[in-house]
N, C-alpha and C. Protein backbone atom coordinates (compact mmCIF):
# COMPACT_ATOMS: atom_id res chain seq x y z
N MET A 1 64.68 36.62 26.51
CA MET A 1 64.13 36.69 27.85
C MET A 1 64.96 37.67 28.69
N PRO A 2 64.60 38.96 28.69
CA PRO A 2 65.36 39.91 29.47
C PRO A 2 65.19 39.56 30.96
N VAL A 3 66.33 39.57 31.66
CA VAL A 3 66.30 39.27 33.10
C VAL A 3 67.10 40.33 33.83
N SER A 4 66.57 40.72 34.98
CA SER A 4 67.27 41.72 35.80
C SER A 4 68.67 41.21 36.21
N ASN A 5 69.61 42.14 36.29
CA ASN A 5 70.95 41.78 36.75
C ASN A 5 70.94 41.27 38.18
N ASP A 6 69.86 41.53 38.91
CA ASP A 6 69.77 41.08 40.30
C ASP A 6 69.21 39.67 40.38
N ALA A 7 68.86 39.05 39.26
CA ALA A 7 68.28 37.72 39.29
C ALA A 7 69.29 36.76 39.89
N PRO A 8 68.84 35.87 40.80
CA PRO A 8 69.75 34.90 41.41
C PRO A 8 70.37 33.99 40.36
N THR A 9 71.65 33.76 40.44
CA THR A 9 72.32 32.86 39.51
C THR A 9 73.23 31.88 40.26
N HIS A 10 73.44 30.75 39.63
CA HIS A 10 74.37 29.71 40.20
C HIS A 10 75.23 29.19 39.06
N ALA A 11 76.53 29.26 39.23
CA ALA A 11 77.43 28.80 38.19
C ALA A 11 77.43 27.28 38.10
N LEU A 12 77.14 26.75 36.88
CA LEU A 12 77.19 25.33 36.66
C LEU A 12 78.50 24.86 36.09
N LYS A 13 79.13 25.74 35.31
CA LYS A 13 80.39 25.39 34.62
C LYS A 13 81.05 26.70 34.14
N ALA A 14 82.35 26.70 34.12
CA ALA A 14 83.08 27.85 33.57
C ALA A 14 84.34 27.34 32.90
N ASP A 15 84.62 27.87 31.69
CA ASP A 15 85.85 27.57 31.02
C ASP A 15 86.24 28.78 30.17
N SER A 16 87.20 28.60 29.28
CA SER A 16 87.73 29.72 28.54
C SER A 16 86.71 30.28 27.53
N PHE A 17 85.64 29.53 27.23
CA PHE A 17 84.65 29.98 26.25
C PHE A 17 83.44 30.57 26.92
N GLY A 18 83.47 30.82 28.23
CA GLY A 18 82.37 31.46 28.90
C GLY A 18 81.93 30.71 30.14
N ARG A 19 80.79 31.12 30.66
CA ARG A 19 80.22 30.52 31.87
C ARG A 19 78.84 29.99 31.58
N ILE A 20 78.49 28.86 32.21
CA ILE A 20 77.13 28.34 32.14
C ILE A 20 76.52 28.59 33.47
N LEU A 21 75.41 29.34 33.49
CA LEU A 21 74.76 29.77 34.71
C LEU A 21 73.31 29.24 34.77
N LEU A 22 72.92 28.85 35.97
CA LEU A 22 71.52 28.54 36.24
C LEU A 22 70.89 29.83 36.79
N VAL A 23 69.96 30.40 36.04
CA VAL A 23 69.37 31.67 36.42
C VAL A 23 67.91 31.48 36.86
N GLN A 24 67.57 32.09 37.97
CA GLN A 24 66.18 32.06 38.46
C GLN A 24 65.41 33.23 37.87
N GLY A 25 64.72 33.00 36.79
CA GLY A 25 63.94 34.04 36.12
C GLY A 25 62.55 34.16 36.68
N PRO A 26 61.80 35.13 36.22
CA PRO A 26 60.43 35.35 36.72
C PRO A 26 59.48 34.20 36.41
N GLU A 27 59.81 33.40 35.38
CA GLU A 27 58.95 32.27 34.96
C GLU A 27 59.58 30.93 35.37
N GLY A 28 60.61 30.98 36.15
CA GLY A 28 61.27 29.74 36.58
C GLY A 28 62.74 29.72 36.15
N PRO A 29 63.47 28.65 36.48
CA PRO A 29 64.91 28.62 36.15
C PRO A 29 65.16 28.37 34.67
N PHE A 30 66.25 28.91 34.20
CA PHE A 30 66.73 28.62 32.87
C PHE A 30 68.24 28.64 32.85
N VAL A 31 68.83 28.16 31.80
CA VAL A 31 70.29 28.08 31.71
C VAL A 31 70.79 29.14 30.73
N ARG A 32 71.82 29.87 31.17
CA ARG A 32 72.44 30.94 30.36
C ARG A 32 73.88 30.62 30.06
N ARG A 33 74.24 30.68 28.76
CA ARG A 33 75.64 30.66 28.37
C ARG A 33 76.08 32.12 28.25
N ASP A 34 76.98 32.53 29.14
CA ASP A 34 77.37 33.94 29.25
C ASP A 34 78.78 34.07 28.63
N LEU A 35 78.88 34.83 27.56
CA LEU A 35 80.15 35.04 26.88
C LEU A 35 80.89 36.29 27.42
N GLY A 36 80.31 36.98 28.40
CA GLY A 36 80.88 38.21 28.89
C GLY A 36 82.24 38.06 29.54
N ALA A 37 82.48 36.90 30.16
CA ALA A 37 83.77 36.69 30.84
C ALA A 37 84.83 36.05 29.94
N THR A 38 84.49 35.85 28.65
CA THR A 38 85.46 35.22 27.73
C THR A 38 86.61 36.14 27.41
N PRO A 39 87.86 35.66 27.45
CA PRO A 39 88.98 36.52 27.08
C PRO A 39 88.80 37.06 25.67
N LEU A 40 89.33 38.26 25.41
CA LEU A 40 89.13 38.92 24.13
C LEU A 40 89.55 38.05 22.96
N TRP A 41 90.69 37.34 23.09
CA TRP A 41 91.21 36.57 21.95
C TRP A 41 90.39 35.34 21.67
N LEU A 42 89.46 34.98 22.59
CA LEU A 42 88.60 33.81 22.38
C LEU A 42 87.15 34.20 22.10
N ARG A 43 86.86 35.49 22.06
CA ARG A 43 85.47 35.87 21.91
C ARG A 43 84.86 35.51 20.56
N LEU A 44 85.64 35.56 19.51
CA LEU A 44 85.09 35.22 18.21
C LEU A 44 84.74 33.72 18.12
N PRO A 45 85.65 32.80 18.50
CA PRO A 45 85.24 31.39 18.45
C PRO A 45 84.10 31.07 19.41
N ALA A 46 84.13 31.75 20.62
CA ALA A 46 83.04 31.52 21.58
C ALA A 46 81.71 31.97 21.03
N TRP A 47 81.73 33.15 20.38
CA TRP A 47 80.49 33.64 19.74
C TRP A 47 80.03 32.70 18.65
N TRP A 48 80.95 32.20 17.84
CA TRP A 48 80.63 31.34 16.72
C TRP A 48 79.99 30.02 17.25
N LEU A 49 80.53 29.47 18.31
CA LEU A 49 79.98 28.26 18.89
C LEU A 49 78.58 28.47 19.46
N ALA A 50 78.44 29.59 20.17
CA ALA A 50 77.12 29.90 20.74
C ALA A 50 76.09 30.15 19.66
N ARG A 51 76.48 30.85 18.62
CA ARG A 51 75.59 31.13 17.49
C ARG A 51 75.18 29.81 16.83
N ARG A 52 76.14 28.87 16.72
CA ARG A 52 75.86 27.58 16.11
C ARG A 52 74.82 26.81 16.95
N GLU A 53 75.01 26.89 18.27
CA GLU A 53 74.05 26.25 19.17
C GLU A 53 72.66 26.86 19.06
N ALA A 54 72.61 28.17 18.99
CA ALA A 54 71.31 28.90 18.87
C ALA A 54 70.57 28.49 17.62
N ARG A 55 71.30 28.35 16.48
CA ARG A 55 70.67 27.95 15.23
C ARG A 55 70.12 26.54 15.32
N ALA A 56 70.89 25.63 15.93
CA ALA A 56 70.44 24.23 16.08
C ALA A 56 69.19 24.16 16.96
N LEU A 57 69.22 24.89 18.10
CA LEU A 57 68.06 24.82 19.00
C LEU A 57 66.84 25.47 18.37
N LYS A 58 67.04 26.48 17.60
CA LYS A 58 65.92 27.08 16.86
C LYS A 58 65.33 26.09 15.85
N HIS A 59 66.19 25.33 15.23
CA HIS A 59 65.78 24.39 14.21
C HIS A 59 64.96 23.22 14.79
N ILE A 60 65.27 22.85 16.05
CA ILE A 60 64.53 21.71 16.63
C ILE A 60 63.56 22.18 17.71
N HIS A 61 63.14 23.43 17.65
CA HIS A 61 62.21 24.00 18.61
C HIS A 61 60.94 23.13 18.69
N GLY A 62 60.52 22.82 19.88
CA GLY A 62 59.33 22.02 20.11
C GLY A 62 59.58 20.54 20.28
N MET A 63 60.80 20.13 19.99
CA MET A 63 61.12 18.71 20.18
C MET A 63 61.32 18.41 21.66
N ALA A 64 60.91 17.25 22.09
CA ALA A 64 61.00 16.87 23.48
C ALA A 64 62.41 16.43 23.83
N ASP A 65 62.79 16.62 25.09
CA ASP A 65 64.04 16.14 25.67
C ASP A 65 65.28 16.74 25.05
N VAL A 66 65.11 17.95 24.57
CA VAL A 66 66.26 18.79 24.15
C VAL A 66 65.95 20.20 24.72
N PRO A 67 66.96 21.06 24.89
CA PRO A 67 66.66 22.40 25.37
C PRO A 67 65.85 23.19 24.37
N GLN A 68 65.06 24.13 24.88
CA GLN A 68 64.33 25.07 24.04
C GLN A 68 65.04 26.42 24.07
N LEU A 69 65.31 26.98 22.90
CA LEU A 69 65.96 28.29 22.85
C LEU A 69 65.01 29.37 23.34
N LEU A 70 65.50 30.16 24.31
CA LEU A 70 64.71 31.25 24.84
C LEU A 70 65.18 32.61 24.30
N ASP A 71 66.49 32.76 24.16
CA ASP A 71 67.00 34.07 23.66
C ASP A 71 68.47 33.90 23.28
N TRP A 72 68.84 34.66 22.24
CA TRP A 72 70.27 34.76 21.83
C TRP A 72 70.50 36.18 21.37
N ASN A 73 71.34 36.93 22.05
CA ASN A 73 71.60 38.32 21.71
C ASN A 73 73.05 38.62 21.35
N GLY A 74 73.82 37.58 21.12
CA GLY A 74 75.22 37.77 20.79
C GLY A 74 76.15 37.72 21.94
N ARG A 75 75.61 37.85 23.15
CA ARG A 75 76.43 37.77 24.36
C ARG A 75 75.91 36.69 25.32
N HIS A 76 74.56 36.55 25.38
CA HIS A 76 73.96 35.55 26.22
C HIS A 76 73.13 34.62 25.34
N LEU A 77 73.25 33.31 25.62
CA LEU A 77 72.36 32.35 25.02
C LEU A 77 71.54 31.73 26.15
N ASP A 78 70.25 31.90 26.14
CA ASP A 78 69.38 31.37 27.21
C ASP A 78 68.59 30.19 26.64
N ARG A 79 68.58 29.12 27.42
CA ARG A 79 67.81 27.94 27.00
C ARG A 79 67.07 27.39 28.21
N SER A 80 66.08 26.59 27.92
CA SER A 80 65.28 26.01 29.02
C SER A 80 66.11 25.08 29.87
N PHE A 81 65.72 25.01 31.13
CA PHE A 81 66.40 24.14 32.08
C PHE A 81 65.76 22.76 32.12
N MET A 82 66.58 21.71 32.06
CA MET A 82 66.09 20.35 32.19
C MET A 82 66.73 19.71 33.41
N ALA A 83 65.89 19.36 34.38
CA ALA A 83 66.42 18.78 35.62
C ALA A 83 66.88 17.36 35.36
N GLY A 84 68.10 17.07 35.80
CA GLY A 84 68.65 15.73 35.62
C GLY A 84 70.13 15.72 35.93
N ASP A 85 70.77 14.61 35.66
CA ASP A 85 72.20 14.43 35.91
C ASP A 85 72.88 13.99 34.62
N ALA A 86 74.16 14.37 34.47
CA ALA A 86 74.93 13.88 33.36
C ALA A 86 75.08 12.35 33.46
N MET A 87 75.28 11.74 32.32
CA MET A 87 75.39 10.27 32.28
C MET A 87 76.45 9.74 33.24
N TYR A 88 77.61 10.44 33.32
CA TYR A 88 78.65 9.92 34.16
C TYR A 88 78.34 10.07 35.65
N GLN A 89 77.38 10.98 35.98
CA GLN A 89 76.96 11.15 37.34
C GLN A 89 75.90 10.14 37.78
N ARG A 90 75.12 9.69 36.83
CA ARG A 90 74.02 8.76 37.12
C ARG A 90 73.96 7.74 35.98
N PRO A 91 74.93 6.86 35.89
CA PRO A 91 75.03 5.95 34.74
C PRO A 91 73.81 5.04 34.63
N PRO A 92 73.29 4.86 33.41
CA PRO A 92 72.16 3.96 33.19
C PRO A 92 72.62 2.50 33.08
N ARG A 93 73.23 1.99 34.11
CA ARG A 93 73.78 0.65 34.08
C ARG A 93 72.65 -0.41 33.96
N GLY A 94 72.77 -1.22 32.95
CA GLY A 94 71.80 -2.29 32.75
C GLY A 94 70.43 -1.82 32.36
N ASP A 95 70.26 -0.51 32.02
CA ASP A 95 68.94 0.06 31.72
C ASP A 95 68.70 0.00 30.23
N VAL A 96 68.17 -1.16 29.78
CA VAL A 96 67.93 -1.34 28.35
C VAL A 96 66.89 -0.31 27.85
N ALA A 97 65.88 -0.04 28.63
CA ALA A 97 64.83 0.91 28.23
C ALA A 97 65.40 2.29 27.98
N TRP A 98 66.37 2.70 28.81
CA TRP A 98 66.97 4.04 28.66
C TRP A 98 67.67 4.10 27.30
N PHE A 99 68.43 3.09 26.94
CA PHE A 99 69.17 3.12 25.67
C PHE A 99 68.23 3.04 24.46
N ARG A 100 67.11 2.31 24.60
CA ARG A 100 66.14 2.30 23.53
C ARG A 100 65.53 3.68 23.34
N ALA A 101 65.20 4.32 24.45
CA ALA A 101 64.64 5.68 24.36
C ALA A 101 65.68 6.65 23.80
N ALA A 102 66.94 6.48 24.16
CA ALA A 102 67.98 7.36 23.67
C ALA A 102 68.14 7.20 22.14
N ARG A 103 68.00 5.97 21.68
CA ARG A 103 68.07 5.77 20.22
C ARG A 103 66.91 6.42 19.50
N ARG A 104 65.71 6.30 20.08
CA ARG A 104 64.54 6.96 19.51
C ARG A 104 64.72 8.47 19.48
N LEU A 105 65.34 9.01 20.55
CA LEU A 105 65.59 10.43 20.61
C LEU A 105 66.50 10.88 19.49
N LEU A 106 67.55 10.12 19.27
CA LEU A 106 68.51 10.40 18.16
C LEU A 106 67.80 10.34 16.82
N GLN A 107 66.94 9.37 16.61
CA GLN A 107 66.21 9.25 15.38
C GLN A 107 65.35 10.44 15.11
N GLN A 108 64.67 10.98 16.16
CA GLN A 108 63.88 12.18 16.01
C GLN A 108 64.77 13.35 15.61
N LEU A 109 65.92 13.47 16.27
CA LEU A 109 66.85 14.56 15.95
C LEU A 109 67.31 14.50 14.51
N HIS A 110 67.69 13.29 14.07
CA HIS A 110 68.20 13.14 12.74
C HIS A 110 67.12 13.34 11.67
N ARG A 111 65.89 12.98 11.98
CA ARG A 111 64.81 13.19 10.98
C ARG A 111 64.57 14.69 10.75
N ARG A 112 64.93 15.47 11.73
CA ARG A 112 64.82 16.93 11.57
C ARG A 112 66.04 17.58 10.89
N GLY A 113 66.97 16.72 10.49
CA GLY A 113 68.13 17.22 9.75
C GLY A 113 69.20 17.81 10.66
N VAL A 114 69.30 17.30 11.89
CA VAL A 114 70.33 17.79 12.81
C VAL A 114 71.15 16.62 13.33
N ALA A 115 72.47 16.73 13.21
CA ALA A 115 73.40 15.80 13.84
C ALA A 115 74.04 16.53 15.01
N HIS A 116 74.05 15.90 16.16
CA HIS A 116 74.60 16.54 17.37
C HIS A 116 76.12 16.76 17.24
N ASN A 117 76.81 15.69 16.85
CA ASN A 117 78.23 15.81 16.53
C ASN A 117 79.15 15.92 17.75
N ASP A 118 78.67 15.68 18.98
CA ASP A 118 79.51 15.75 20.15
C ASP A 118 79.03 14.80 21.25
N LEU A 119 78.60 13.60 20.83
CA LEU A 119 77.95 12.69 21.76
C LEU A 119 78.89 11.67 22.40
N ALA A 120 80.19 11.78 22.08
CA ALA A 120 81.18 10.96 22.81
C ALA A 120 81.23 11.42 24.25
N LYS A 121 80.93 12.66 24.52
CA LYS A 121 81.01 13.21 25.87
C LYS A 121 79.78 12.79 26.69
N GLU A 122 80.00 12.11 27.77
CA GLU A 122 78.89 11.69 28.65
C GLU A 122 78.17 12.91 29.21
N ALA A 123 78.86 14.04 29.35
CA ALA A 123 78.26 15.23 29.91
C ALA A 123 77.14 15.77 29.06
N ASN A 124 77.11 15.38 27.76
CA ASN A 124 76.08 15.87 26.85
C ASN A 124 74.82 15.01 26.81
N TRP A 125 74.91 13.88 27.54
CA TRP A 125 73.72 13.03 27.71
C TRP A 125 73.21 13.23 29.15
N LEU A 126 71.94 13.52 29.30
CA LEU A 126 71.34 13.63 30.63
C LEU A 126 70.44 12.44 30.92
N VAL A 127 70.42 12.11 32.20
CA VAL A 127 69.38 11.22 32.73
C VAL A 127 68.48 12.10 33.53
N THR A 128 67.26 12.30 33.02
CA THR A 128 66.36 13.26 33.64
C THR A 128 65.86 12.72 35.01
N GLU A 129 65.19 13.59 35.75
CA GLU A 129 64.71 13.21 37.06
C GLU A 129 63.80 12.00 37.02
N ASP A 130 63.04 11.85 35.94
CA ASP A 130 62.14 10.69 35.81
C ASP A 130 62.75 9.58 34.97
N GLY A 131 64.05 9.66 34.76
CA GLY A 131 64.78 8.54 34.13
C GLY A 131 64.84 8.51 32.62
N ARG A 132 64.40 9.57 31.91
CA ARG A 132 64.47 9.64 30.48
C ARG A 132 65.85 10.13 30.01
N PRO A 133 66.23 9.83 28.75
CA PRO A 133 67.42 10.40 28.19
C PRO A 133 67.11 11.82 27.63
N ALA A 134 68.08 12.68 27.69
CA ALA A 134 67.94 14.00 27.08
C ALA A 134 69.31 14.45 26.56
N LEU A 135 69.30 15.39 25.65
CA LEU A 135 70.54 15.88 25.02
C LEU A 135 70.75 17.36 25.31
N ILE A 136 71.98 17.76 25.53
CA ILE A 136 72.30 19.18 25.75
C ILE A 136 73.55 19.49 24.95
N ASP A 137 73.93 20.78 24.92
CA ASP A 137 75.17 21.27 24.34
C ASP A 137 75.26 21.00 22.84
N PHE A 138 74.63 21.90 22.07
CA PHE A 138 74.57 21.75 20.64
C PHE A 138 75.54 22.70 19.90
N GLN A 139 76.65 23.00 20.54
CA GLN A 139 77.60 23.94 19.95
C GLN A 139 78.22 23.43 18.65
N LEU A 140 78.36 22.13 18.52
CA LEU A 140 78.98 21.54 17.33
C LEU A 140 77.97 20.91 16.40
N ALA A 141 76.69 21.13 16.63
CA ALA A 141 75.64 20.51 15.83
C ALA A 141 75.72 20.99 14.35
N VAL A 142 75.33 20.07 13.48
CA VAL A 142 75.33 20.36 12.02
C VAL A 142 73.89 20.20 11.55
N ILE A 143 73.45 21.16 10.74
CA ILE A 143 72.09 21.14 10.19
C ILE A 143 72.16 20.93 8.69
N GLY A 144 71.26 20.07 8.17
CA GLY A 144 71.24 19.86 6.73
C GLY A 144 70.08 18.97 6.35
N ASP A 145 70.08 18.61 5.10
CA ASP A 145 69.03 17.74 4.58
C ASP A 145 69.21 16.34 5.20
N PRO A 146 68.21 15.82 5.92
CA PRO A 146 68.38 14.50 6.53
C PRO A 146 68.64 13.35 5.55
N ARG A 147 68.36 13.60 4.25
CA ARG A 147 68.60 12.57 3.24
C ARG A 147 69.98 12.68 2.63
N SER A 148 70.70 13.77 2.93
CA SER A 148 72.00 13.95 2.32
C SER A 148 73.04 12.97 2.88
N ARG A 149 74.05 12.64 2.11
CA ARG A 149 75.08 11.69 2.55
C ARG A 149 75.83 12.23 3.77
N TRP A 150 76.04 13.54 3.81
CA TRP A 150 76.80 14.14 4.92
C TRP A 150 76.09 14.01 6.24
N ILE A 151 74.81 14.36 6.28
CA ILE A 151 74.04 14.27 7.50
C ILE A 151 73.86 12.82 7.90
N ARG A 152 73.64 11.95 6.94
CA ARG A 152 73.49 10.53 7.28
C ARG A 152 74.79 9.93 7.84
N LEU A 153 75.93 10.43 7.36
CA LEU A 153 77.20 9.97 7.89
C LEU A 153 77.40 10.45 9.31
N LEU A 154 77.08 11.75 9.55
CA LEU A 154 77.20 12.32 10.90
C LEU A 154 76.21 11.65 11.85
N ALA A 155 75.00 11.36 11.36
CA ALA A 155 74.02 10.70 12.17
C ALA A 155 74.51 9.32 12.58
N ARG A 156 75.19 8.63 11.69
CA ARG A 156 75.75 7.33 12.03
C ARG A 156 76.81 7.44 13.12
N GLU A 157 77.61 8.52 13.07
CA GLU A 157 78.59 8.74 14.11
C GLU A 157 77.94 9.04 15.45
N ASP A 158 76.82 9.80 15.44
CA ASP A 158 76.03 9.98 16.67
C ASP A 158 75.62 8.66 17.24
N LEU A 159 75.10 7.76 16.38
CA LEU A 159 74.66 6.47 16.82
C LEU A 159 75.81 5.67 17.38
N ARG A 160 76.96 5.68 16.70
CA ARG A 160 78.12 4.93 17.20
C ARG A 160 78.52 5.38 18.61
N HIS A 161 78.46 6.67 18.86
CA HIS A 161 78.80 7.16 20.19
C HIS A 161 77.83 6.68 21.23
N LEU A 162 76.52 6.65 20.88
CA LEU A 162 75.54 6.12 21.81
C LEU A 162 75.81 4.65 22.09
N LEU A 163 76.16 3.92 21.05
CA LEU A 163 76.39 2.48 21.25
C LEU A 163 77.69 2.25 22.03
N LYS A 164 78.65 3.14 21.95
CA LYS A 164 79.83 3.01 22.82
C LYS A 164 79.45 3.18 24.29
N HIS A 165 78.53 4.09 24.57
CA HIS A 165 78.04 4.25 25.94
C HIS A 165 77.27 2.98 26.37
N LYS A 166 76.50 2.45 25.42
CA LYS A 166 75.74 1.24 25.75
C LYS A 166 76.70 0.07 26.02
N ARG A 167 77.78 0.02 25.27
CA ARG A 167 78.79 -1.05 25.51
C ARG A 167 79.39 -0.87 26.90
N MET A 168 79.54 0.35 27.34
CA MET A 168 80.11 0.61 28.66
C MET A 168 79.12 0.19 29.80
N TYR A 169 77.86 0.57 29.63
CA TYR A 169 76.90 0.44 30.74
C TYR A 169 75.90 -0.70 30.57
N CYS A 170 75.79 -1.23 29.35
CA CYS A 170 74.75 -2.23 29.10
C CYS A 170 75.20 -3.20 28.02
N ARG A 171 76.44 -3.67 28.19
CA ARG A 171 77.12 -4.47 27.15
C ARG A 171 76.31 -5.72 26.76
N GLU A 172 75.73 -6.36 27.75
CA GLU A 172 75.07 -7.63 27.47
C GLU A 172 73.84 -7.46 26.57
N SER A 173 73.38 -6.24 26.42
CA SER A 173 72.18 -5.96 25.60
C SER A 173 72.48 -5.51 24.18
N LEU A 174 73.79 -5.43 23.82
CA LEU A 174 74.14 -5.05 22.46
C LEU A 174 73.67 -6.16 21.48
N THR A 175 73.02 -5.74 20.42
CA THR A 175 72.55 -6.65 19.40
C THR A 175 73.66 -6.95 18.42
N PRO A 176 73.60 -8.04 17.64
CA PRO A 176 74.59 -8.29 16.62
C PRO A 176 74.76 -7.16 15.63
N VAL A 177 73.65 -6.48 15.27
CA VAL A 177 73.73 -5.35 14.34
C VAL A 177 74.49 -4.20 15.00
N GLU A 178 74.20 -3.95 16.28
CA GLU A 178 74.86 -2.84 16.97
C GLU A 178 76.36 -3.13 17.10
N LYS A 179 76.73 -4.36 17.33
CA LYS A 179 78.14 -4.71 17.36
C LYS A 179 78.85 -4.45 16.06
N ARG A 180 78.17 -4.72 14.95
CA ARG A 180 78.73 -4.46 13.63
C ARG A 180 78.90 -2.95 13.40
N VAL A 181 77.92 -2.17 13.85
CA VAL A 181 78.02 -0.71 13.72
C VAL A 181 79.22 -0.19 14.49
N LEU A 182 79.43 -0.72 15.67
CA LEU A 182 80.58 -0.28 16.48
C LEU A 182 81.91 -0.61 15.82
N LYS A 183 81.99 -1.68 15.08
CA LYS A 183 83.23 -2.07 14.43
C LYS A 183 83.54 -1.25 13.18
N ARG A 184 82.49 -0.70 12.56
CA ARG A 184 82.70 0.01 11.29
C ARG A 184 82.91 1.52 11.55
N THR A 185 84.13 1.91 11.53
CA THR A 185 84.43 3.35 11.71
C THR A 185 84.40 4.07 10.36
N SER A 186 84.03 5.37 10.40
CA SER A 186 83.96 6.14 9.18
C SER A 186 85.25 6.93 8.96
N TRP A 187 85.40 7.48 7.73
CA TRP A 187 86.58 8.29 7.43
C TRP A 187 86.57 9.57 8.26
N VAL A 188 85.34 10.05 8.65
CA VAL A 188 85.26 11.23 9.47
C VAL A 188 85.94 10.98 10.83
N ARG A 189 85.61 9.85 11.42
CA ARG A 189 86.21 9.51 12.70
C ARG A 189 87.74 9.33 12.58
N ASP A 190 88.15 8.61 11.52
CA ASP A 190 89.58 8.37 11.34
C ASP A 190 90.34 9.67 11.08
N LEU A 191 89.73 10.58 10.30
CA LEU A 191 90.38 11.87 10.03
C LEU A 191 90.47 12.71 11.29
N TRP A 192 89.42 12.68 12.14
CA TRP A 192 89.46 13.44 13.39
C TRP A 192 90.56 12.95 14.31
N PHE A 193 90.67 11.65 14.46
CA PHE A 193 91.71 11.10 15.35
C PHE A 193 93.12 11.33 14.81
N ALA A 194 93.24 11.43 13.49
CA ALA A 194 94.57 11.61 12.90
C ALA A 194 94.99 13.10 12.88
N THR A 195 94.02 14.01 12.79
CA THR A 195 94.39 15.40 12.66
C THR A 195 93.73 16.31 13.69
N GLY A 196 92.41 16.31 13.73
CA GLY A 196 91.70 17.25 14.64
C GLY A 196 91.93 17.04 16.11
N LYS A 197 91.90 15.77 16.56
CA LYS A 197 91.99 15.51 17.97
C LYS A 197 93.33 15.91 18.59
N PRO A 198 94.48 15.63 17.91
CA PRO A 198 95.73 16.08 18.46
C PRO A 198 95.82 17.62 18.61
N VAL A 199 95.22 18.33 17.63
CA VAL A 199 95.23 19.81 17.74
C VAL A 199 94.31 20.25 18.89
N TYR A 200 93.14 19.62 19.00
CA TYR A 200 92.22 19.93 20.08
C TYR A 200 92.85 19.71 21.44
N ARG A 201 93.55 18.60 21.61
CA ARG A 201 94.21 18.31 22.89
C ARG A 201 95.31 19.33 23.18
N PHE A 202 96.06 19.71 22.15
CA PHE A 202 97.14 20.67 22.36
C PHE A 202 96.56 22.00 22.80
N VAL A 203 95.52 22.48 22.12
CA VAL A 203 94.92 23.77 22.45
C VAL A 203 94.32 23.77 23.82
N THR A 204 93.53 22.70 24.14
CA THR A 204 92.83 22.70 25.44
C THR A 204 93.77 22.49 26.60
N ARG A 205 94.74 21.60 26.45
CA ARG A 205 95.60 21.24 27.57
C ARG A 205 96.81 22.17 27.72
N ARG A 206 97.45 22.55 26.60
CA ARG A 206 98.68 23.35 26.66
C ARG A 206 98.41 24.86 26.69
N ILE A 207 97.37 25.28 25.93
CA ILE A 207 97.12 26.72 25.82
C ILE A 207 96.05 27.16 26.81
N LEU A 208 94.91 26.44 26.84
CA LEU A 208 93.78 26.84 27.70
C LEU A 208 93.92 26.24 29.11
N HIS A 209 94.77 25.23 29.28
CA HIS A 209 95.01 24.61 30.60
C HIS A 209 93.75 24.01 31.20
N TRP A 210 92.97 23.32 30.38
CA TRP A 210 91.83 22.54 30.92
C TRP A 210 91.66 21.31 30.08
N GLU A 211 91.00 20.32 30.67
CA GLU A 211 90.77 19.04 30.01
C GLU A 211 89.37 18.58 30.35
N ASP A 212 88.57 18.24 29.35
CA ASP A 212 87.21 17.84 29.60
C ASP A 212 87.09 16.33 29.88
N ASN A 213 88.18 15.56 29.69
CA ASN A 213 88.15 14.11 29.96
C ASN A 213 87.00 13.45 29.24
N GLU A 214 86.81 13.88 27.96
CA GLU A 214 85.72 13.33 27.14
C GLU A 214 84.35 13.49 27.79
N GLY A 215 84.19 14.56 28.57
CA GLY A 215 82.89 14.82 29.15
C GLY A 215 82.53 13.93 30.29
N GLN A 216 83.51 13.26 30.89
CA GLN A 216 83.24 12.34 31.98
C GLN A 216 83.50 12.95 33.36
N GLY A 217 83.64 14.29 33.40
CA GLY A 217 83.89 14.92 34.69
C GLY A 217 85.36 14.92 35.02
N PRO A 218 85.74 15.61 36.07
CA PRO A 218 87.15 15.73 36.42
C PRO A 218 87.74 14.41 36.84
N LYS A 219 89.00 14.24 36.53
CA LYS A 219 89.69 13.02 36.94
C LYS A 219 90.00 13.12 38.43
N PRO A 220 89.96 12.00 39.17
CA PRO A 220 90.30 12.00 40.59
C PRO A 220 91.74 12.35 40.81
């Protein structure tokens, strides 16, 4: 979607991996991930993450309540705009229907062979204007055969993260099965906490000087 440089834009987010802009295009607003402002030493990982997101969005094209890929040219990733608020901004407290719909949304995603892989962050769950759940930010998504052990394992981790949010905002509605799922951690989760997460925190906090607070917005 080529857009004039004069198109009105509004910055939604900015970090070391680029800027997220709300752009007013000729056919309405859309969201652009702009890698142009990324420091030279981070451009390769930023490009890799954006390319990964573009592949995932292309794979799930046409699915409801996820962004639709509009364009990816190696510098800009444009996706459809979905009006709503992040979960931490508009928590679905006591909203059993919202969590049921969120689980159905995950099931649709996993049937298409995509695991989101970053759903611990409340910022990646939207509560749309009409109260539906939606998913954004597919930079870490994994694509594969939905019947494979790897995708099924990652899909289970996606579900566990959703149930952790349900435990936070709708604890009384957790079923016995859901409680058992929450208690059973996978080796992927244990390995991440033992190795990957300490490195991630060191890089983001000590080198990049930012902290996403698990996607829950800035700390007071």
